[in-house]
Amino acid sequence: LKGVAGIIKDNSRGKDTVARYGGEEFCVVMPGTKRDNALVHGERIRNKVKQAKFTAPNGEAVSITISIGIASTEDHAPESHLDLIHAADTALYRSKQSGRDKVIVFDKKANRL
């Protein structure tokens, strides 16, 4: 988790907020970022994690991939911050269900909140 957190933080802007959100989940709040730029950011992080070399406590090399869900106020006008979090979570689970190691942007037409 520390290694993935470091990659996310090192590849985020100073004005972004990076936080652990639950067991193995992280959240990056990117104020003023358009959906397409968030997608580029997500893909960059996904690739960096996939290319990183991690070592298990027993010394064994471990490969890690991540699934990413993106929600943007550009596409989705949430009534509260919880709606936006739920939209990102919905996109995250679509990413996991469609084979993992992907970045999925929430699509209001394809997903109901």
N, C-alpha and C. Protein backbone atom coordinates (compact mmCIF):
# COMPACT_ATOMS: atom_id res chain seq x y z
N LEU A 1 0.82 -1.20 0.00
CA LEU A 1 0.00 0.00 0.00
C LEU A 1 0.87 1.26 0.00
N LYS A 2 1.95 1.23 0.77
CA LYS A 2 2.83 2.40 0.82
C LYS A 2 3.45 2.69 -0.54
N GLY A 3 3.84 1.66 -1.25
CA GLY A 3 4.44 1.84 -2.57
C GLY A 3 3.46 2.43 -3.56
N VAL A 4 2.25 1.93 -3.58
CA VAL A 4 1.22 2.45 -4.48
C VAL A 4 0.88 3.89 -4.09
N ALA A 5 0.74 4.14 -2.80
CA ALA A 5 0.45 5.50 -2.32
C ALA A 5 1.54 6.47 -2.78
N GLY A 6 2.78 6.05 -2.69
CA GLY A 6 3.89 6.89 -3.12
C GLY A 6 3.83 7.22 -4.60
N ILE A 7 3.49 6.22 -5.41
CA ILE A 7 3.37 6.45 -6.85
C ILE A 7 2.25 7.44 -7.14
N ILE A 8 1.12 7.27 -6.47
CA ILE A 8 -0.01 8.17 -6.69
C ILE A 8 0.37 9.59 -6.29
N LYS A 9 0.97 9.74 -5.12
CA LYS A 9 1.34 11.07 -4.63
C LYS A 9 2.40 11.71 -5.51
N ASP A 10 3.42 10.94 -5.89
CA ASP A 10 4.51 11.47 -6.71
C ASP A 10 4.05 11.89 -8.11
N ASN A 11 2.93 11.33 -8.55
CA ASN A 11 2.42 11.64 -9.89
C ASN A 11 1.17 12.51 -9.86
N SER A 12 0.93 13.15 -8.73
CA SER A 12 -0.18 14.07 -8.60
C SER A 12 0.35 15.49 -8.41
N ARG A 13 -0.48 16.46 -8.68
CA ARG A 13 -0.08 17.86 -8.54
C ARG A 13 -0.15 18.27 -7.08
N GLY A 14 0.54 19.34 -6.75
CA GLY A 14 0.55 19.85 -5.39
C GLY A 14 -0.82 20.25 -4.88
N LYS A 15 -1.71 20.69 -5.77
CA LYS A 15 -3.04 21.11 -5.35
C LYS A 15 -4.03 19.94 -5.26
N ASP A 16 -3.63 18.75 -5.68
CA ASP A 16 -4.49 17.57 -5.56
C ASP A 16 -4.44 17.03 -4.14
N THR A 17 -5.50 16.39 -3.73
CA THR A 17 -5.53 15.75 -2.43
C THR A 17 -5.53 14.24 -2.65
N VAL A 18 -4.53 13.57 -2.12
CA VAL A 18 -4.40 12.11 -2.23
C VAL A 18 -4.66 11.54 -0.85
N ALA A 19 -5.59 10.58 -0.78
CA ALA A 19 -5.93 10.00 0.52
C ALA A 19 -6.29 8.53 0.38
N ARG A 20 -6.01 7.79 1.41
CA ARG A 20 -6.46 6.40 1.47
C ARG A 20 -7.94 6.43 1.80
N TYR A 21 -8.71 5.64 1.07
CA TYR A 21 -10.16 5.64 1.24
C TYR A 21 -10.62 4.20 1.38
N GLY A 22 -10.59 3.71 2.59
CA GLY A 22 -10.96 2.32 2.80
C GLY A 22 -9.75 1.41 2.78
N GLY A 23 -9.99 0.12 2.80
CA GLY A 23 -8.94 -0.88 2.89
C GLY A 23 -7.83 -0.73 1.89
N GLU A 24 -8.10 -1.01 0.62
CA GLU A 24 -7.08 -0.94 -0.42
C GLU A 24 -7.42 0.13 -1.46
N GLU A 25 -8.25 1.07 -1.09
CA GLU A 25 -8.67 2.10 -2.04
C GLU A 25 -8.05 3.45 -1.70
N PHE A 26 -7.80 4.21 -2.76
CA PHE A 26 -7.28 5.57 -2.63
C PHE A 26 -8.22 6.51 -3.37
N CYS A 27 -8.19 7.75 -2.99
CA CYS A 27 -8.99 8.78 -3.64
C CYS A 27 -8.06 9.94 -3.98
N VAL A 28 -8.21 10.46 -5.18
CA VAL A 28 -7.47 11.65 -5.57
C VAL A 28 -8.50 12.71 -5.97
N VAL A 29 -8.54 13.80 -5.23
CA VAL A 29 -9.43 14.91 -5.55
C VAL A 29 -8.60 15.90 -6.35
N MET A 30 -9.07 16.19 -7.55
CA MET A 30 -8.30 17.00 -8.48
C MET A 30 -9.12 18.23 -8.88
N PRO A 31 -9.08 19.28 -8.06
CA PRO A 31 -9.89 20.46 -8.34
C PRO A 31 -9.54 21.12 -9.67
N GLY A 32 -10.59 21.55 -10.39
CA GLY A 32 -10.39 22.26 -11.64
C GLY A 32 -9.89 21.40 -12.79
N THR A 33 -10.03 20.08 -12.67
CA THR A 33 -9.50 19.17 -13.70
C THR A 33 -10.64 18.67 -14.58
N LYS A 34 -10.47 18.79 -15.87
CA LYS A 34 -11.44 18.27 -16.84
C LYS A 34 -11.36 16.76 -16.86
N ARG A 35 -12.48 16.14 -17.26
CA ARG A 35 -12.58 14.68 -17.31
C ARG A 35 -11.43 14.07 -18.11
N ASP A 36 -11.15 14.60 -19.30
CA ASP A 36 -10.11 14.02 -20.15
C ASP A 36 -8.74 14.09 -19.49
N ASN A 37 -8.45 15.17 -18.77
CA ASN A 37 -7.17 15.28 -18.06
C ASN A 37 -7.11 14.31 -16.89
N ALA A 38 -8.24 14.09 -16.22
CA ALA A 38 -8.28 13.11 -15.13
C ALA A 38 -8.03 11.70 -15.68
N LEU A 39 -8.56 11.44 -16.86
CA LEU A 39 -8.35 10.14 -17.50
C LEU A 39 -6.87 9.94 -17.83
N VAL A 40 -6.22 10.97 -18.37
CA VAL A 40 -4.78 10.89 -18.66
C VAL A 40 -4.00 10.64 -17.36
N HIS A 41 -4.37 11.36 -16.30
CA HIS A 41 -3.72 11.19 -15.00
C HIS A 41 -3.91 9.76 -14.48
N GLY A 42 -5.13 9.25 -14.59
CA GLY A 42 -5.41 7.89 -14.14
C GLY A 42 -4.60 6.85 -14.91
N GLU A 43 -4.53 7.03 -16.22
CA GLU A 43 -3.75 6.09 -17.05
C GLU A 43 -2.27 6.15 -16.71
N ARG A 44 -1.76 7.36 -16.45
CA ARG A 44 -0.34 7.50 -16.08
C ARG A 44 -0.07 6.74 -14.78
N ILE A 45 -0.92 6.92 -13.79
CA ILE A 45 -0.74 6.23 -12.51
C ILE A 45 -0.87 4.72 -12.69
N ARG A 46 -1.87 4.28 -13.45
CA ARG A 46 -2.07 2.85 -13.68
C ARG A 46 -0.82 2.23 -14.29
N ASN A 47 -0.26 2.90 -15.29
CA ASN A 47 0.95 2.39 -15.94
C ASN A 47 2.16 2.40 -15.02
N LYS A 48 2.31 3.45 -14.22
CA LYS A 48 3.45 3.53 -13.28
C LYS A 48 3.38 2.39 -12.26
N VAL A 49 2.18 2.10 -11.75
CA VAL A 49 2.03 1.01 -10.78
C VAL A 49 2.34 -0.32 -11.45
N LYS A 50 1.83 -0.51 -12.64
CA LYS A 50 2.05 -1.77 -13.36
C LYS A 50 3.53 -2.01 -13.63
N GLN A 51 4.30 -0.95 -13.90
CA GLN A 51 5.72 -1.06 -14.21
C GLN A 51 6.61 -1.13 -12.97
N ALA A 52 6.06 -0.76 -11.83
CA ALA A 52 6.87 -0.70 -10.60
C ALA A 52 7.26 -2.11 -10.14
N LYS A 53 8.38 -2.17 -9.47
CA LYS A 53 8.87 -3.43 -8.90
C LYS A 53 8.57 -3.41 -7.40
N PHE A 54 7.78 -4.35 -6.95
CA PHE A 54 7.44 -4.47 -5.54
C PHE A 54 8.00 -5.79 -5.01
N THR A 55 8.30 -5.80 -3.72
CA THR A 55 8.84 -7.00 -3.09
C THR A 55 8.00 -7.35 -1.87
N ALA A 56 7.57 -8.61 -1.81
CA ALA A 56 6.82 -9.10 -0.66
C ALA A 56 7.76 -9.25 0.54
N PRO A 57 7.20 -9.32 1.76
CA PRO A 57 8.05 -9.47 2.95
C PRO A 57 9.00 -10.68 2.89
N ASN A 58 8.62 -11.71 2.13
CA ASN A 58 9.49 -12.89 2.01
C ASN A 58 10.57 -12.72 0.94
N GLY A 59 10.62 -11.53 0.31
CA GLY A 59 11.63 -11.25 -0.70
C GLY A 59 11.20 -11.56 -2.12
N GLU A 60 10.03 -12.14 -2.26
CA GLU A 60 9.53 -12.50 -3.59
C GLU A 60 9.08 -11.25 -4.36
N ALA A 61 9.40 -11.20 -5.66
CA ALA A 61 8.96 -10.10 -6.51
C ALA A 61 7.45 -10.22 -6.73
N VAL A 62 6.77 -9.09 -6.67
CA VAL A 62 5.32 -9.06 -6.80
C VAL A 62 4.94 -8.04 -7.86
N SER A 63 4.04 -8.44 -8.75
CA SER A 63 3.48 -7.53 -9.74
C SER A 63 2.13 -7.04 -9.24
N ILE A 64 1.87 -5.75 -9.42
CA ILE A 64 0.61 -5.17 -8.96
C ILE A 64 -0.02 -4.40 -10.11
N THR A 65 -1.33 -4.54 -10.23
CA THR A 65 -2.10 -3.71 -11.14
C THR A 65 -3.19 -3.02 -10.32
N ILE A 66 -3.71 -1.92 -10.86
CA ILE A 66 -4.77 -1.22 -10.16
C ILE A 66 -5.93 -0.95 -11.11
N SER A 67 -7.11 -0.86 -10.54
CA SER A 67 -8.32 -0.47 -11.25
C SER A 67 -8.68 0.92 -10.76
N ILE A 68 -9.11 1.78 -11.69
CA ILE A 68 -9.41 3.17 -11.35
C ILE A 68 -10.79 3.54 -11.85
N GLY A 69 -11.54 4.24 -11.00
CA GLY A 69 -12.83 4.80 -11.39
C GLY A 69 -12.76 6.31 -11.27
N ILE A 70 -13.26 7.00 -12.29
CA ILE A 70 -13.21 8.47 -12.31
C ILE A 70 -14.63 9.01 -12.40
N ALA A 71 -14.89 10.04 -11.61
CA ALA A 71 -16.14 10.79 -11.70
C ALA A 71 -15.78 12.26 -11.79
N SER A 72 -16.51 12.98 -12.64
CA SER A 72 -16.22 14.38 -12.87
C SER A 72 -17.49 15.21 -12.75
N THR A 73 -17.37 16.38 -12.17
CA THR A 73 -18.52 17.28 -12.12
C THR A 73 -18.81 17.82 -13.51
N GLU A 74 -17.90 17.63 -14.45
CA GLU A 74 -18.11 18.03 -15.84
C GLU A 74 -19.24 17.21 -16.46
N ASP A 75 -19.36 15.95 -16.06
CA ASP A 75 -20.36 15.04 -16.62
C ASP A 75 -21.54 14.79 -15.68
N HIS A 76 -21.31 15.02 -14.43
CA HIS A 76 -22.28 14.61 -13.42
C HIS A 76 -22.42 15.74 -12.40
N ALA A 77 -23.61 16.31 -12.30
CA ALA A 77 -23.86 17.39 -11.35
C ALA A 77 -24.38 16.78 -10.05
N PRO A 78 -23.49 16.47 -9.13
CA PRO A 78 -23.92 15.81 -7.90
C PRO A 78 -24.67 16.77 -6.97
N GLU A 79 -25.61 16.19 -6.23
CA GLU A 79 -26.31 16.99 -5.23
C GLU A 79 -25.44 17.18 -3.99
N SER A 80 -24.55 16.24 -3.76
CA SER A 80 -23.62 16.34 -2.62
C SER A 80 -22.32 15.65 -2.99
N HIS A 81 -21.32 15.83 -2.14
CA HIS A 81 -20.04 15.16 -2.38
C HIS A 81 -20.20 13.65 -2.37
N LEU A 82 -21.19 13.15 -1.62
CA LEU A 82 -21.41 11.71 -1.56
C LEU A 82 -21.85 11.15 -2.91
N ASP A 83 -22.61 11.94 -3.68
CA ASP A 83 -23.01 11.51 -5.02
C ASP A 83 -21.80 11.35 -5.93
N LEU A 84 -20.86 12.27 -5.82
CA LEU A 84 -19.66 12.20 -6.64
C LEU A 84 -18.80 11.00 -6.24
N ILE A 85 -18.69 10.76 -4.95
CA ILE A 85 -17.95 9.59 -4.46
C ILE A 85 -18.61 8.31 -4.94
N HIS A 86 -19.94 8.26 -4.89
CA HIS A 86 -20.67 7.08 -5.34
C HIS A 86 -20.45 6.85 -6.84
N ALA A 87 -20.44 7.93 -7.62
CA ALA A 87 -20.20 7.81 -9.06
C ALA A 87 -18.80 7.26 -9.33
N ALA A 88 -17.80 7.76 -8.62
CA ALA A 88 -16.43 7.25 -8.79
C ALA A 88 -16.35 5.78 -8.38
N ASP A 89 -17.04 5.43 -7.30
CA ASP A 89 -17.06 4.04 -6.83
C ASP A 89 -17.73 3.13 -7.85
N THR A 90 -18.80 3.60 -8.46
CA THR A 90 -19.49 2.84 -9.50
C THR A 90 -18.55 2.59 -10.68
N ALA A 91 -17.82 3.61 -11.10
CA ALA A 91 -16.85 3.45 -12.19
C ALA A 91 -15.73 2.50 -11.79
N LEU A 92 -15.28 2.57 -10.54
CA LEU A 92 -14.24 1.68 -10.05
C LEU A 92 -14.70 0.22 -10.15
N TYR A 93 -15.91 -0.06 -9.70
CA TYR A 93 -16.39 -1.44 -9.75
C TYR A 93 -16.62 -1.91 -11.18
N ARG A 94 -16.98 -1.02 -12.09
CA ARG A 94 -17.06 -1.39 -13.51
C ARG A 94 -15.67 -1.78 -14.02
N SER A 95 -14.66 -1.05 -13.59
CA SER A 95 -13.28 -1.35 -13.98
C SER A 95 -12.88 -2.74 -13.49
N LYS A 96 -13.19 -3.03 -12.25
CA LYS A 96 -12.86 -4.34 -11.68
C LYS A 96 -13.63 -5.46 -12.38
N GLN A 97 -14.91 -5.23 -12.64
CA GLN A 97 -15.75 -6.26 -13.24
C GLN A 97 -15.42 -6.51 -14.71
N SER A 98 -14.79 -5.54 -15.36
CA SER A 98 -14.48 -5.70 -16.79
C SER A 98 -13.05 -6.18 -17.03
N GLY A 99 -12.42 -6.72 -16.02
CA GLY A 99 -11.12 -7.34 -16.21
C GLY A 99 -9.98 -6.74 -15.43
N ARG A 100 -10.23 -5.69 -14.67
CA ARG A 100 -9.20 -5.06 -13.84
C ARG A 100 -8.10 -4.40 -14.69
N ASP A 101 -7.20 -3.69 -14.01
CA ASP A 101 -6.10 -2.99 -14.66
C ASP A 101 -6.60 -2.04 -15.75
N LYS A 102 -7.67 -1.30 -15.40
CA LYS A 102 -8.29 -0.37 -16.34
C LYS A 102 -8.67 0.91 -15.63
N VAL A 103 -8.88 1.96 -16.44
CA VAL A 103 -9.41 3.22 -15.95
C VAL A 103 -10.76 3.41 -16.61
N ILE A 104 -11.80 3.55 -15.81
CA ILE A 104 -13.17 3.74 -16.32
C ILE A 104 -13.70 5.07 -15.80
N VAL A 105 -14.29 5.84 -16.70
CA VAL A 105 -14.92 7.11 -16.34
C VAL A 105 -16.40 6.86 -16.16
N PHE A 106 -16.97 7.39 -15.07
CA PHE A 106 -18.39 7.24 -14.81
C PHE A 106 -19.20 7.81 -15.96
N ASP A 107 -20.17 7.04 -16.41
CA ASP A 107 -21.08 7.46 -17.48
C ASP A 107 -22.49 7.42 -16.93
N LYS A 108 -23.09 8.58 -16.75
CA LYS A 108 -24.41 8.67 -16.13
C LYS A 108 -25.46 7.89 -16.93
N LYS A 109 -25.31 7.85 -18.25
CA LYS A 109 -26.27 7.14 -19.09
C LYS A 109 -26.18 5.64 -18.90
N ALA A 110 -24.97 5.14 -18.66
CA ALA A 110 -24.75 3.70 -18.52
C ALA A 110 -24.93 3.21 -17.09
N ASN A 111 -24.90 4.13 -16.14
CA ASN A 111 -24.96 3.75 -14.73
C ASN A 111 -26.02 4.58 -14.02
N ARG A 112 -26.77 3.93 -13.21
CA ARG A 112 -27.75 4.65 -12.40
C ARG A 112 -27.20 4.78 -10.99
N LEU A 113 -27.40 5.95 -10.40
CA LEU A 113 -26.96 6.14 -9.01
C LEU A 113 -28.07 5.79 -8.06
